[in-house]
Amino acid sequence: MPQFDTDNPDVRRYLCDAASYWLHEFDIDGYRFDYAAGPSHSFWSELAAACRAAKPDCWLFGEVTLAGDDPARLRMGLALLFALGGPPILYYGTEVGLSQPRRKGPWREESRHPMLWDNRQDTDLFRYTKELVALRRSHPALVYGQVVTHWLDEERGVWLAERRRGQDRVWIGVNVGKEPVRFSPSDGAGGEFVTLAPMECRLWAAAQAGRGLSPAGRQAPVGPRR
């Protein structure tokens, strides 16, 4: 299919105007955006702002393939999906490791393979997903909380943030770099160092001093790596 150059100002203006028109004139509920990983973040930010201006309570949903066949990226994608705003929505089978083995090609079955059953399911990943669900249900901050960035190092690929709602506070640590990284949150982690492995995202409540949801899906103590 032909693709729009969504970084072209005229194209971007046309698409934003079209999206706003349907929201304003026909009061539609919102949009589902296919291939959300294609256009740039700046395009989606501008389009979302235009939609919210036309209808503040509109529903916007973008489909993104989390990680293909990369287990570490999948776990990171799942953690961020449950940690950040909007309702977490999973395509069937993602929670047990169903993926798209062939990344490119004309095969229409790559849209989704049959469900995995029995011992073909990734039970560790399934347990991890259920723990993320439980964590989000028990912490309103992960649903409604403000996102506060405490540390961002783009060169090293490290992000430390916090979600706050009332007294509920949850920390989010992300390391997309190639080396382990250590940091000590200034509040809520008991002054302990938190170590993140390469390609790791960890969530922990402020009251859980030095404890976090690990990539393997277990509550594990964290501290300085020697």
N, C-alpha and C. Protein backbone atom coordinates (compact mmCIF):
# COMPACT_ATOMS: atom_id res chain seq x y z
N MET A 1 0.84 -1.19 0.00
CA MET A 1 0.00 0.00 0.00
C MET A 1 0.88 1.24 0.00
N PRO A 2 0.42 2.32 -0.65
CA PRO A 2 1.19 3.57 -0.61
C PRO A 2 1.27 4.09 0.83
N GLN A 3 2.38 4.71 1.15
CA GLN A 3 2.57 5.24 2.50
C GLN A 3 2.68 6.76 2.46
N PHE A 4 2.03 7.41 3.42
CA PHE A 4 2.16 8.85 3.55
C PHE A 4 3.49 9.19 4.20
N ASP A 5 4.07 10.30 3.79
CA ASP A 5 5.24 10.83 4.47
C ASP A 5 4.74 11.67 5.64
N THR A 6 4.57 11.03 6.79
CA THR A 6 3.94 11.70 7.92
C THR A 6 4.82 12.75 8.58
N ASP A 7 6.08 12.88 8.14
CA ASP A 7 6.93 13.95 8.64
C ASP A 7 6.88 15.19 7.75
N ASN A 8 6.13 15.08 6.64
CA ASN A 8 5.91 16.24 5.78
C ASN A 8 4.83 17.11 6.42
N PRO A 9 5.07 18.39 6.64
CA PRO A 9 4.09 19.25 7.33
C PRO A 9 2.72 19.27 6.67
N ASP A 10 2.67 19.28 5.33
CA ASP A 10 1.38 19.31 4.64
C ASP A 10 0.62 18.00 4.84
N VAL A 11 1.33 16.89 4.76
CA VAL A 11 0.70 15.59 4.98
C VAL A 11 0.20 15.49 6.42
N ARG A 12 1.03 15.91 7.35
CA ARG A 12 0.66 15.85 8.76
C ARG A 12 -0.58 16.70 9.04
N ARG A 13 -0.62 17.88 8.45
CA ARG A 13 -1.77 18.77 8.65
C ARG A 13 -3.04 18.14 8.06
N TYR A 14 -2.91 17.54 6.89
CA TYR A 14 -4.06 16.89 6.25
C TYR A 14 -4.63 15.77 7.11
N LEU A 15 -3.76 14.92 7.65
CA LEU A 15 -4.21 13.80 8.46
C LEU A 15 -4.82 14.28 9.79
N CYS A 16 -4.21 15.27 10.40
CA CYS A 16 -4.76 15.81 11.65
C CYS A 16 -6.12 16.45 11.41
N ASP A 17 -6.25 17.17 10.31
CA ASP A 17 -7.54 17.79 9.99
C ASP A 17 -8.61 16.73 9.73
N ALA A 18 -8.22 15.67 9.01
CA ALA A 18 -9.19 14.61 8.72
C ALA A 18 -9.64 13.91 9.99
N ALA A 19 -8.70 13.61 10.89
CA ALA A 19 -9.05 12.95 12.14
C ALA A 19 -9.94 13.86 13.00
N SER A 20 -9.62 15.14 13.03
CA SER A 20 -10.42 16.08 13.82
C SER A 20 -11.83 16.22 13.25
N TYR A 21 -11.94 16.20 11.93
CA TYR A 21 -13.24 16.37 11.27
C TYR A 21 -14.24 15.29 11.71
N TRP A 22 -13.82 14.05 11.69
CA TRP A 22 -14.73 12.96 12.04
C TRP A 22 -15.10 12.99 13.52
N LEU A 23 -14.16 13.40 14.36
CA LEU A 23 -14.45 13.50 15.79
C LEU A 23 -15.43 14.64 16.07
N HIS A 24 -15.23 15.75 15.40
CA HIS A 24 -16.05 16.94 15.66
C HIS A 24 -17.41 16.87 14.98
N GLU A 25 -17.43 16.49 13.71
CA GLU A 25 -18.67 16.53 12.94
C GLU A 25 -19.59 15.34 13.21
N PHE A 26 -19.03 14.19 13.50
CA PHE A 26 -19.85 12.98 13.64
C PHE A 26 -19.76 12.35 15.03
N ASP A 27 -18.99 12.97 15.91
CA ASP A 27 -18.89 12.54 17.31
C ASP A 27 -18.54 11.06 17.43
N ILE A 28 -17.61 10.58 16.58
CA ILE A 28 -17.17 9.20 16.72
C ILE A 28 -16.39 9.06 18.02
N ASP A 29 -16.28 7.82 18.50
CA ASP A 29 -15.64 7.60 19.80
C ASP A 29 -14.13 7.79 19.75
N GLY A 30 -13.52 7.43 18.63
CA GLY A 30 -12.07 7.54 18.54
C GLY A 30 -11.53 6.72 17.39
N TYR A 31 -10.26 6.36 17.48
CA TYR A 31 -9.60 5.66 16.38
C TYR A 31 -8.74 4.51 16.87
N ARG A 32 -8.66 3.49 16.03
CA ARG A 32 -7.66 2.44 16.19
C ARG A 32 -6.64 2.64 15.07
N PHE A 33 -5.38 2.83 15.44
CA PHE A 33 -4.34 3.10 14.46
C PHE A 33 -3.52 1.84 14.20
N ASP A 34 -3.55 1.36 12.99
CA ASP A 34 -2.76 0.20 12.62
C ASP A 34 -1.30 0.63 12.38
N TYR A 35 -0.39 -0.30 12.63
CA TYR A 35 1.04 -0.05 12.39
C TYR A 35 1.50 1.22 13.09
N ALA A 36 1.22 1.31 14.37
CA ALA A 36 1.58 2.52 15.11
C ALA A 36 3.09 2.70 15.23
N ALA A 37 3.86 1.63 15.03
CA ALA A 37 5.32 1.74 15.13
C ALA A 37 5.93 2.34 13.87
N GLY A 38 5.14 2.59 12.84
CA GLY A 38 5.68 3.12 11.58
C GLY A 38 6.02 4.59 11.63
N PRO A 39 5.01 5.47 11.76
CA PRO A 39 5.29 6.91 11.81
C PRO A 39 6.09 7.29 13.05
N SER A 40 6.64 8.49 13.03
CA SER A 40 7.49 8.95 14.13
C SER A 40 6.65 9.29 15.36
N HIS A 41 7.34 9.33 16.50
CA HIS A 41 6.67 9.71 17.75
C HIS A 41 6.10 11.12 17.66
N SER A 42 6.83 12.01 16.99
CA SER A 42 6.36 13.40 16.90
C SER A 42 5.05 13.47 16.12
N PHE A 43 4.89 12.60 15.10
CA PHE A 43 3.62 12.59 14.37
C PHE A 43 2.49 12.15 15.26
N TRP A 44 2.69 11.06 16.02
CA TRP A 44 1.60 10.57 16.88
C TRP A 44 1.28 11.59 17.97
N SER A 45 2.29 12.29 18.48
CA SER A 45 2.05 13.31 19.49
C SER A 45 1.19 14.43 18.93
N GLU A 46 1.50 14.86 17.72
CA GLU A 46 0.73 15.94 17.10
C GLU A 46 -0.68 15.48 16.75
N LEU A 47 -0.81 14.26 16.24
CA LEU A 47 -2.13 13.75 15.90
C LEU A 47 -2.99 13.57 17.15
N ALA A 48 -2.38 13.04 18.22
CA ALA A 48 -3.12 12.86 19.47
C ALA A 48 -3.59 14.20 20.02
N ALA A 49 -2.72 15.22 19.95
CA ALA A 49 -3.11 16.54 20.43
C ALA A 49 -4.26 17.11 19.62
N ALA A 50 -4.24 16.90 18.30
CA ALA A 50 -5.33 17.39 17.44
C ALA A 50 -6.64 16.68 17.78
N CYS A 51 -6.55 15.37 18.01
CA CYS A 51 -7.76 14.60 18.36
C CYS A 51 -8.32 15.04 19.71
N ARG A 52 -7.44 15.24 20.70
CA ARG A 52 -7.89 15.67 22.02
C ARG A 52 -8.50 17.06 21.97
N ALA A 53 -7.97 17.91 21.09
CA ALA A 53 -8.53 19.26 20.95
C ALA A 53 -9.94 19.20 20.36
N ALA A 54 -10.15 18.27 19.44
CA ALA A 54 -11.47 18.14 18.83
C ALA A 54 -12.46 17.45 19.76
N LYS A 55 -11.98 16.46 20.53
CA LYS A 55 -12.84 15.72 21.45
C LYS A 55 -11.97 15.22 22.60
N PRO A 56 -11.98 15.91 23.74
CA PRO A 56 -11.07 15.59 24.85
C PRO A 56 -11.15 14.16 25.34
N ASP A 57 -12.33 13.53 25.25
CA ASP A 57 -12.46 12.17 25.79
C ASP A 57 -12.42 11.11 24.70
N CYS A 58 -11.84 11.45 23.54
CA CYS A 58 -11.78 10.45 22.45
C CYS A 58 -10.86 9.30 22.83
N TRP A 59 -11.11 8.14 22.24
CA TRP A 59 -10.35 6.92 22.52
C TRP A 59 -9.37 6.68 21.39
N LEU A 60 -8.09 6.57 21.72
CA LEU A 60 -7.05 6.36 20.73
C LEU A 60 -6.28 5.10 21.07
N PHE A 61 -6.15 4.21 20.09
CA PHE A 61 -5.49 2.93 20.32
C PHE A 61 -4.59 2.61 19.14
N GLY A 62 -3.30 2.38 19.40
CA GLY A 62 -2.36 2.04 18.34
C GLY A 62 -1.83 0.64 18.50
N GLU A 63 -1.77 -0.11 17.42
CA GLU A 63 -1.27 -1.48 17.45
C GLU A 63 0.24 -1.50 17.19
N VAL A 64 0.96 -2.16 18.09
CA VAL A 64 2.41 -2.28 17.97
C VAL A 64 2.82 -3.70 18.30
N THR A 65 3.67 -4.28 17.48
CA THR A 65 4.26 -5.58 17.81
C THR A 65 5.37 -5.35 18.82
N LEU A 66 5.28 -6.02 19.97
CA LEU A 66 6.18 -5.71 21.08
C LEU A 66 7.62 -6.03 20.80
N ALA A 67 7.92 -7.24 20.33
CA ALA A 67 9.35 -7.58 20.28
C ALA A 67 9.72 -8.68 19.31
N GLY A 68 8.78 -9.20 18.53
CA GLY A 68 9.14 -10.31 17.66
C GLY A 68 9.55 -11.53 18.47
N ASP A 69 10.73 -12.09 18.18
CA ASP A 69 11.19 -13.29 18.87
C ASP A 69 12.25 -12.98 19.93
N ASP A 70 12.35 -11.76 20.40
CA ASP A 70 13.36 -11.38 21.38
C ASP A 70 12.73 -11.41 22.77
N PRO A 71 13.03 -12.42 23.61
CA PRO A 71 12.40 -12.54 24.92
C PRO A 71 12.64 -11.34 25.82
N ALA A 72 13.86 -10.79 25.81
CA ALA A 72 14.16 -9.66 26.67
C ALA A 72 13.34 -8.43 26.28
N ARG A 73 13.27 -8.17 24.98
CA ARG A 73 12.49 -7.03 24.51
C ARG A 73 11.00 -7.25 24.78
N LEU A 74 10.54 -8.48 24.70
CA LEU A 74 9.14 -8.77 24.98
C LEU A 74 8.81 -8.46 26.43
N ARG A 75 9.66 -8.90 27.35
CA ARG A 75 9.42 -8.62 28.76
C ARG A 75 9.46 -7.13 29.05
N MET A 76 10.40 -6.44 28.41
CA MET A 76 10.46 -5.00 28.60
C MET A 76 9.20 -4.32 28.05
N GLY A 77 8.77 -4.76 26.87
CA GLY A 77 7.56 -4.19 26.28
C GLY A 77 6.34 -4.43 27.16
N LEU A 78 6.23 -5.62 27.73
CA LEU A 78 5.10 -5.93 28.61
C LEU A 78 5.13 -5.05 29.85
N ALA A 79 6.31 -4.90 30.45
CA ALA A 79 6.42 -4.09 31.66
C ALA A 79 6.01 -2.64 31.39
N LEU A 80 6.47 -2.07 30.28
CA LEU A 80 6.12 -0.70 29.95
C LEU A 80 4.65 -0.57 29.59
N LEU A 81 4.10 -1.60 28.96
CA LEU A 81 2.68 -1.58 28.61
C LEU A 81 1.82 -1.46 29.85
N PHE A 82 2.20 -2.18 30.91
CA PHE A 82 1.43 -2.14 32.15
C PHE A 82 1.83 -0.97 33.05
N ALA A 83 2.98 -0.36 32.79
CA ALA A 83 3.47 0.72 33.65
C ALA A 83 3.00 2.09 33.21
N LEU A 84 2.75 2.25 31.91
CA LEU A 84 2.44 3.57 31.39
C LEU A 84 0.94 3.73 31.15
N GLY A 85 0.54 4.88 30.64
CA GLY A 85 -0.88 5.21 30.54
C GLY A 85 -1.63 4.39 29.51
N GLY A 86 -2.95 4.40 29.63
CA GLY A 86 -3.81 3.68 28.71
C GLY A 86 -4.01 2.25 29.14
N PRO A 87 -5.08 1.61 28.66
CA PRO A 87 -5.35 0.23 29.04
C PRO A 87 -4.39 -0.74 28.35
N PRO A 88 -3.78 -1.67 29.08
CA PRO A 88 -2.92 -2.67 28.44
C PRO A 88 -3.77 -3.62 27.59
N ILE A 89 -3.40 -3.77 26.35
CA ILE A 89 -4.13 -4.65 25.43
C ILE A 89 -3.11 -5.59 24.77
N LEU A 90 -3.32 -6.89 24.93
CA LEU A 90 -2.42 -7.88 24.36
C LEU A 90 -3.11 -8.65 23.25
N TYR A 91 -2.39 -8.91 22.17
CA TYR A 91 -2.88 -9.82 21.14
C TYR A 91 -2.79 -11.24 21.70
N TYR A 92 -3.75 -12.07 21.36
CA TYR A 92 -3.81 -13.39 21.98
C TYR A 92 -2.49 -14.15 21.80
N GLY A 93 -2.09 -14.81 22.86
CA GLY A 93 -0.88 -15.64 22.82
C GLY A 93 0.39 -14.93 23.21
N THR A 94 0.38 -13.59 23.22
CA THR A 94 1.59 -12.87 23.61
C THR A 94 2.04 -13.27 25.00
N GLU A 95 1.06 -13.53 25.88
CA GLU A 95 1.38 -13.83 27.28
C GLU A 95 2.03 -15.19 27.46
N VAL A 96 2.02 -16.04 26.43
CA VAL A 96 2.65 -17.36 26.54
C VAL A 96 3.75 -17.55 25.50
N GLY A 97 4.14 -16.47 24.84
CA GLY A 97 5.28 -16.54 23.93
C GLY A 97 4.95 -16.71 22.46
N LEU A 98 3.67 -16.63 22.06
CA LEU A 98 3.32 -16.72 20.65
C LEU A 98 3.82 -15.47 19.94
N SER A 99 4.51 -15.66 18.82
CA SER A 99 5.11 -14.53 18.13
C SER A 99 4.95 -14.69 16.64
N GLN A 100 5.78 -13.97 15.89
CA GLN A 100 5.79 -14.02 14.44
C GLN A 100 7.20 -14.39 13.99
N PRO A 101 7.46 -15.69 13.80
CA PRO A 101 8.83 -16.14 13.52
C PRO A 101 9.43 -15.52 12.27
N ARG A 102 8.62 -15.33 11.24
CA ARG A 102 9.14 -14.73 10.01
C ARG A 102 8.81 -13.25 10.01
N ARG A 103 9.86 -12.41 10.03
CA ARG A 103 9.65 -10.97 10.19
C ARG A 103 9.09 -10.31 8.93
N LYS A 104 9.50 -10.76 7.77
CA LYS A 104 9.06 -10.12 6.54
C LYS A 104 8.69 -11.17 5.51
N GLY A 105 7.90 -10.75 4.55
CA GLY A 105 7.54 -11.67 3.48
C GLY A 105 6.07 -11.57 3.12
N PRO A 106 5.65 -12.34 2.12
CA PRO A 106 4.27 -12.24 1.64
C PRO A 106 3.30 -13.16 2.38
N TRP A 107 3.74 -13.80 3.47
CA TRP A 107 2.92 -14.81 4.12
C TRP A 107 1.85 -14.16 4.99
N ARG A 108 0.61 -14.29 4.61
CA ARG A 108 -0.48 -13.65 5.36
C ARG A 108 -0.67 -14.30 6.72
N GLU A 109 -0.25 -15.56 6.86
CA GLU A 109 -0.41 -16.21 8.16
C GLU A 109 0.48 -15.58 9.22
N GLU A 110 1.45 -14.73 8.80
CA GLU A 110 2.29 -14.05 9.78
C GLU A 110 1.50 -13.05 10.61
N SER A 111 0.27 -12.73 10.19
CA SER A 111 -0.54 -11.84 11.01
C SER A 111 -0.71 -12.43 12.40
N ARG A 112 -0.87 -13.73 12.48
CA ARG A 112 -0.87 -14.41 13.77
C ARG A 112 -0.88 -15.91 13.53
N HIS A 113 -0.04 -16.61 14.26
CA HIS A 113 0.01 -18.07 14.17
C HIS A 113 -1.02 -18.68 15.11
N PRO A 114 -1.31 -19.97 14.97
CA PRO A 114 -2.24 -20.63 15.89
C PRO A 114 -1.75 -20.55 17.33
N MET A 115 -2.68 -20.60 18.27
CA MET A 115 -2.36 -20.50 19.69
C MET A 115 -1.45 -21.65 20.12
N LEU A 116 -0.54 -21.33 21.05
CA LEU A 116 0.32 -22.35 21.63
C LEU A 116 -0.41 -23.02 22.80
N TRP A 117 -0.29 -24.34 22.88
CA TRP A 117 -0.95 -25.06 23.96
C TRP A 117 0.04 -25.98 24.66
N ASP A 118 -0.36 -26.44 25.84
CA ASP A 118 0.38 -27.44 26.61
C ASP A 118 1.82 -26.99 26.86
N ASN A 119 2.77 -27.90 26.65
CA ASN A 119 4.15 -27.61 27.03
C ASN A 119 4.87 -26.67 26.06
N ARG A 120 4.19 -26.23 25.03
CA ARG A 120 4.80 -25.26 24.12
C ARG A 120 4.68 -23.83 24.65
N GLN A 121 3.86 -23.64 25.68
CA GLN A 121 3.70 -22.31 26.25
C GLN A 121 4.89 -21.95 27.14
N ASP A 122 5.24 -20.68 27.14
CA ASP A 122 6.30 -20.17 28.00
C ASP A 122 5.67 -19.86 29.36
N THR A 123 5.80 -20.79 30.29
CA THR A 123 5.13 -20.64 31.58
C THR A 123 5.74 -19.51 32.43
N ASP A 124 7.05 -19.28 32.30
CA ASP A 124 7.66 -18.17 33.02
C ASP A 124 7.10 -16.83 32.53
N LEU A 125 6.95 -16.69 31.22
CA LEU A 125 6.40 -15.47 30.66
C LEU A 125 4.95 -15.29 31.09
N PHE A 126 4.19 -16.39 31.12
CA PHE A 126 2.79 -16.33 31.54
C PHE A 126 2.68 -15.87 32.99
N ARG A 127 3.55 -16.41 33.84
CA ARG A 127 3.56 -15.99 35.24
C ARG A 127 3.94 -14.53 35.37
N TYR A 128 4.92 -14.10 34.59
CA TYR A 128 5.35 -12.70 34.61
C TYR A 128 4.20 -11.78 34.21
N THR A 129 3.46 -12.15 33.17
CA THR A 129 2.34 -11.33 32.71
C THR A 129 1.27 -11.23 33.79
N LYS A 130 0.97 -12.34 34.45
CA LYS A 130 -0.04 -12.31 35.50
C LYS A 130 0.40 -11.44 36.67
N GLU A 131 1.69 -11.43 36.99
CA GLU A 131 2.18 -10.59 38.06
C GLU A 131 2.11 -9.12 37.69
N LEU A 132 2.33 -8.81 36.41
CA LEU A 132 2.16 -7.43 35.96
C LEU A 132 0.70 -6.99 36.09
N VAL A 133 -0.22 -7.88 35.74
CA VAL A 133 -1.64 -7.59 35.90
C VAL A 133 -1.96 -7.30 37.36
N ALA A 134 -1.47 -8.16 38.25
CA ALA A 134 -1.74 -7.99 39.68
C ALA A 134 -1.12 -6.69 40.20
N LEU A 135 0.09 -6.37 39.75
CA LEU A 135 0.75 -5.14 40.19
C LEU A 135 -0.04 -3.92 39.77
N ARG A 136 -0.52 -3.92 38.55
CA ARG A 136 -1.29 -2.76 38.06
C ARG A 136 -2.62 -2.63 38.81
N ARG A 137 -3.27 -3.76 39.09
CA ARG A 137 -4.54 -3.72 39.80
C ARG A 137 -4.38 -3.21 41.23
N SER A 138 -3.23 -3.45 41.83
CA SER A 138 -3.03 -3.07 43.23
C SER A 138 -2.44 -1.68 43.39
N HIS A 139 -2.08 -1.02 42.27
CA HIS A 139 -1.47 0.31 42.36
C HIS A 139 -2.15 1.28 41.41
N PRO A 140 -3.05 2.12 41.93
CA PRO A 140 -3.72 3.13 41.09
C PRO A 140 -2.74 4.04 40.36
N ALA A 141 -1.53 4.21 40.91
CA ALA A 141 -0.55 5.08 40.26
C ALA A 141 -0.21 4.59 38.86
N LEU A 142 -0.26 3.27 38.65
CA LEU A 142 0.07 2.73 37.33
C LEU A 142 -1.05 2.94 36.32
N VAL A 143 -2.21 3.34 36.80
CA VAL A 143 -3.35 3.58 35.91
C VAL A 143 -3.56 5.08 35.71
N TYR A 144 -3.54 5.82 36.81
CA TYR A 144 -3.91 7.23 36.77
C TYR A 144 -2.77 8.17 37.14
N GLY A 145 -1.65 7.65 37.57
CA GLY A 145 -0.62 8.49 38.16
C GLY A 145 0.14 9.36 37.17
N GLN A 146 0.66 10.45 37.70
CA GLN A 146 1.54 11.33 36.95
C GLN A 146 2.89 10.65 36.75
N VAL A 147 3.50 10.84 35.59
CA VAL A 147 4.82 10.29 35.30
C VAL A 147 5.86 11.37 35.56
N VAL A 148 6.79 11.07 36.48
CA VAL A 148 7.85 12.01 36.83
C VAL A 148 9.19 11.37 36.49
N THR A 149 9.96 11.99 35.62
CA THR A 149 11.29 11.47 35.26
C THR A 149 12.33 11.99 36.24
N HIS A 150 13.09 11.06 36.83
CA HIS A 150 14.15 11.42 37.77
C HIS A 150 15.52 11.37 37.11
N TRP A 151 15.68 10.51 36.13
CA TRP A 151 17.00 10.37 35.52
C TRP A 151 16.81 9.86 34.09
N LEU A 152 17.41 10.55 33.14
CA LEU A 152 17.37 10.13 31.75
C LEU A 152 18.76 10.29 31.16
N ASP A 153 19.34 9.17 30.71
CA ASP A 153 20.66 9.18 30.08
C ASP A 153 20.49 8.53 28.71
N GLU A 154 20.28 9.35 27.69
CA GLU A 154 20.03 8.82 26.36
C GLU A 154 21.24 8.11 25.78
N GLU A 155 22.43 8.57 26.13
CA GLU A 155 23.64 7.94 25.60
C GLU A 155 23.78 6.51 26.11
N ARG A 156 23.47 6.30 27.37
CA ARG A 156 23.58 4.96 27.96
C ARG A 156 22.28 4.17 27.82
N GLY A 157 21.20 4.84 27.45
CA GLY A 157 19.93 4.14 27.29
C GLY A 157 19.27 3.81 28.61
N VAL A 158 19.28 4.75 29.56
CA VAL A 158 18.76 4.51 30.90
C VAL A 158 17.69 5.54 31.23
N TRP A 159 16.60 5.06 31.83
CA TRP A 159 15.51 5.94 32.26
C TRP A 159 15.02 5.49 33.63
N LEU A 160 14.94 6.43 34.56
CA LEU A 160 14.36 6.19 35.87
C LEU A 160 13.21 7.15 36.07
N ALA A 161 12.02 6.61 36.31
CA ALA A 161 10.83 7.44 36.46
C ALA A 161 9.99 6.93 37.61
N GLU A 162 8.97 7.70 37.92
CA GLU A 162 8.08 7.37 39.02
C GLU A 162 6.66 7.75 38.61
N ARG A 163 5.70 6.90 38.97
CA ARG A 163 4.30 7.24 38.78
C ARG A 163 3.67 7.49 40.15
N ARG A 164 2.98 8.62 40.27
CA ARG A 164 2.43 9.04 41.56
C ARG A 164 0.92 9.28 41.45
N ARG A 165 0.21 8.79 42.46
CA ARG A 165 -1.19 9.15 42.63
C ARG A 165 -1.48 9.10 44.13
N GLY A 166 -1.67 10.26 44.71
CA GLY A 166 -1.85 10.32 46.15
C GLY A 166 -0.61 9.78 46.85
N GLN A 167 -0.83 8.85 47.76
CA GLN A 167 0.27 8.24 48.49
C GLN A 167 0.87 7.04 47.76
N ASP A 168 0.25 6.64 46.68
CA ASP A 168 0.73 5.48 45.92
C ASP A 168 1.81 5.90 44.94
N ARG A 169 2.96 5.24 45.03
CA ARG A 169 4.09 5.59 44.17
C ARG A 169 4.76 4.32 43.68
N VAL A 170 5.00 4.27 42.37
CA VAL A 170 5.66 3.11 41.76
C VAL A 170 6.81 3.63 40.90
N TRP A 171 7.97 2.98 41.05
CA TRP A 171 9.15 3.36 40.28
C TRP A 171 9.27 2.49 39.04
N ILE A 172 9.81 3.11 37.99
CA ILE A 172 10.03 2.42 36.72
C ILE A 172 11.49 2.61 36.34
N GLY A 173 12.24 1.52 36.23
CA GLY A 173 13.63 1.59 35.81
C GLY A 173 13.80 0.87 34.48
N VAL A 174 14.43 1.52 33.53
CA VAL A 174 14.61 0.96 32.18
C VAL A 174 16.07 1.08 31.77
N ASN A 175 16.61 -0.02 31.26
CA ASN A 175 17.97 -0.01 30.72
C ASN A 175 17.95 -0.70 29.36
N VAL A 176 18.04 0.09 28.29
CA VAL A 176 18.09 -0.49 26.94
C VAL A 176 19.51 -0.51 26.41
N GLY A 177 20.47 -0.21 27.27
CA GLY A 177 21.87 -0.21 26.86
C GLY A 177 22.47 -1.60 26.88
N LYS A 178 23.77 -1.65 26.61
CA LYS A 178 24.48 -2.93 26.53
C LYS A 178 25.22 -3.29 27.81
N GLU A 179 25.23 -2.37 28.78
CA GLU A 179 25.95 -2.61 30.03
C GLU A 179 24.99 -2.50 31.21
N PRO A 180 25.27 -3.26 32.29
CA PRO A 180 24.46 -3.10 33.51
C PRO A 180 24.59 -1.67 34.04
N VAL A 181 23.58 -1.22 34.73
CA VAL A 181 23.59 0.12 35.29
C VAL A 181 23.05 0.07 36.71
N ARG A 182 23.61 0.92 37.59
CA ARG A 182 23.14 0.98 38.97
C ARG A 182 22.68 2.39 39.28
N PHE A 183 21.61 2.51 40.03
CA PHE A 183 21.20 3.81 40.54
C PHE A 183 20.56 3.64 41.90
N SER A 184 20.51 4.73 42.67
CA SER A 184 19.89 4.73 43.98
C SER A 184 18.80 5.78 44.00
N PRO A 185 17.53 5.39 43.95
CA PRO A 185 16.45 6.38 44.00
C PRO A 185 16.56 7.21 45.27
N SER A 186 16.27 8.47 45.17
CA SER A 186 16.42 9.37 46.32
C SER A 186 15.32 9.16 47.35
N ASP A 187 14.26 8.44 46.99
CA ASP A 187 13.15 8.26 47.92
C ASP A 187 12.46 6.94 47.61
N GLY A 188 12.07 6.20 48.65
CA GLY A 188 11.21 5.04 48.46
C GLY A 188 11.90 3.72 48.27
N ALA A 189 13.22 3.69 48.10
CA ALA A 189 13.91 2.42 47.90
C ALA A 189 14.88 2.12 49.03
N GLY A 190 14.72 2.82 50.13
CA GLY A 190 15.55 2.54 51.29
C GLY A 190 17.01 2.87 51.10
N GLY A 191 17.34 3.70 50.12
CA GLY A 191 18.73 4.07 49.88
C GLY A 191 19.55 2.98 49.23
N GLU A 192 18.93 1.85 48.90
CA GLU A 192 19.67 0.76 48.28
C GLU A 192 19.90 1.03 46.81
N PHE A 193 21.00 0.49 46.30
CA PHE A 193 21.23 0.56 44.87
C PHE A 193 20.31 -0.42 44.16
N VAL A 194 19.85 -0.02 43.00
CA VAL A 194 19.07 -0.89 42.14
C VAL A 194 19.88 -1.16 40.89
N THR A 195 20.09 -2.41 40.58
CA THR A 195 20.89 -2.80 39.42
C THR A 195 19.99 -3.30 38.31
N LEU A 196 20.14 -2.74 37.13
CA LEU A 196 19.40 -3.19 35.97
C LEU A 196 20.36 -3.83 34.97
N ALA A 197 20.02 -5.02 34.54
CA ALA A 197 20.80 -5.69 33.50
C ALA A 197 20.50 -5.05 32.15
N PRO A 198 21.32 -5.30 31.13
CA PRO A 198 21.01 -4.81 29.80
C PRO A 198 19.64 -5.31 29.33
N MET A 199 18.89 -4.47 28.69
CA MET A 199 17.55 -4.78 28.17
C MET A 199 16.62 -5.25 29.29
N GLU A 200 16.62 -4.51 30.40
CA GLU A 200 15.75 -4.84 31.52
C GLU A 200 14.89 -3.66 31.90
N CYS A 201 13.62 -3.93 32.19
CA CYS A 201 12.72 -2.95 32.76
C CYS A 201 12.22 -3.52 34.08
N ARG A 202 12.28 -2.72 35.14
CA ARG A 202 11.86 -3.20 36.45
C ARG A 202 10.88 -2.21 37.08
N LEU A 203 9.85 -2.74 37.73
CA LEU A 203 8.86 -1.94 38.42
C LEU A 203 8.88 -2.31 39.89
N TRP A 204 8.77 -1.32 40.77
CA TRP A 204 8.66 -1.63 42.19
C TRP A 204 7.94 -0.48 42.89
N ALA A 205 7.16 -0.84 43.91
CA ALA A 205 6.45 0.15 44.70
C ALA A 205 7.40 0.82 45.66
N ALA A 206 7.13 2.08 45.98
CA ALA A 206 8.03 2.84 46.82
C ALA A 206 8.19 2.22 48.19
N ALA A 207 7.15 1.54 48.68
CA ALA A 207 7.21 0.94 50.01
C ALA A 207 8.04 -0.33 50.04
N GLN A 208 8.30 -0.91 48.85
CA GLN A 208 9.07 -2.16 48.77
C GLN A 208 10.54 -1.81 48.68
N ALA A 209 11.14 -1.50 49.78
CA ALA A 209 12.53 -1.03 49.77
C ALA A 209 13.44 -2.06 49.13
N GLY A 210 14.04 -1.67 48.01
CA GLY A 210 15.02 -2.53 47.37
C GLY A 210 14.45 -3.77 46.72
N ARG A 211 13.12 -3.79 46.44
CA ARG A 211 12.54 -4.97 45.80
C ARG A 211 11.84 -4.53 44.52
N GLY A 212 11.86 -5.39 43.51
CA GLY A 212 11.23 -5.03 42.26
C GLY A 212 10.78 -6.24 41.49
N LEU A 213 9.93 -6.03 40.50
CA LEU A 213 9.48 -7.11 39.65
C LEU A 213 10.55 -7.36 38.61
N SER A 214 11.17 -8.52 38.70
CA SER A 214 12.32 -8.82 37.84
C SER A 214 11.85 -9.30 36.48
N PRO A 215 12.74 -9.33 35.46
CA PRO A 215 12.36 -9.77 34.13
C PRO A 215 11.87 -11.21 34.11
N ALA A 216 12.29 -12.02 35.07
CA ALA A 216 11.84 -13.41 35.10
C ALA A 216 10.49 -13.55 35.78
N GLY A 217 9.95 -12.41 36.27
CA GLY A 217 8.63 -12.44 36.83
C GLY A 217 8.59 -12.77 38.31
N ARG A 218 9.68 -12.61 39.04
CA ARG A 218 9.69 -12.95 40.47
C ARG A 218 10.05 -11.70 41.26
N GLN A 219 9.45 -11.56 42.46
CA GLN A 219 9.84 -10.49 43.35
C GLN A 219 11.21 -10.85 43.93
N ALA A 220 12.21 -10.06 43.59
CA ALA A 220 13.58 -10.42 43.98
C ALA A 220 14.27 -9.22 44.61
N PRO A 221 15.06 -9.42 45.68
CA PRO A 221 15.78 -8.32 46.28
C PRO A 221 16.84 -7.81 45.32
N VAL A 222 17.06 -6.52 45.34
CA VAL A 222 18.08 -5.94 44.48
C VAL A 222 19.05 -5.16 45.36
N GLY A 223 20.27 -5.02 44.90
CA GLY A 223 21.27 -4.29 45.67
C GLY A 223 22.51 -4.10 44.82
N PRO A 224 23.56 -3.55 45.38
CA PRO A 224 24.77 -3.30 44.61
C PRO A 224 25.32 -4.58 44.00
N ARG A 225 25.69 -4.51 42.74
CA ARG A 225 26.30 -5.66 42.08
C ARG A 225 27.80 -5.59 42.25
N ARG A 226 28.38 -6.63 42.80
CA ARG A 226 29.83 -6.64 43.05
C ARG A 226 30.55 -7.44 42.00
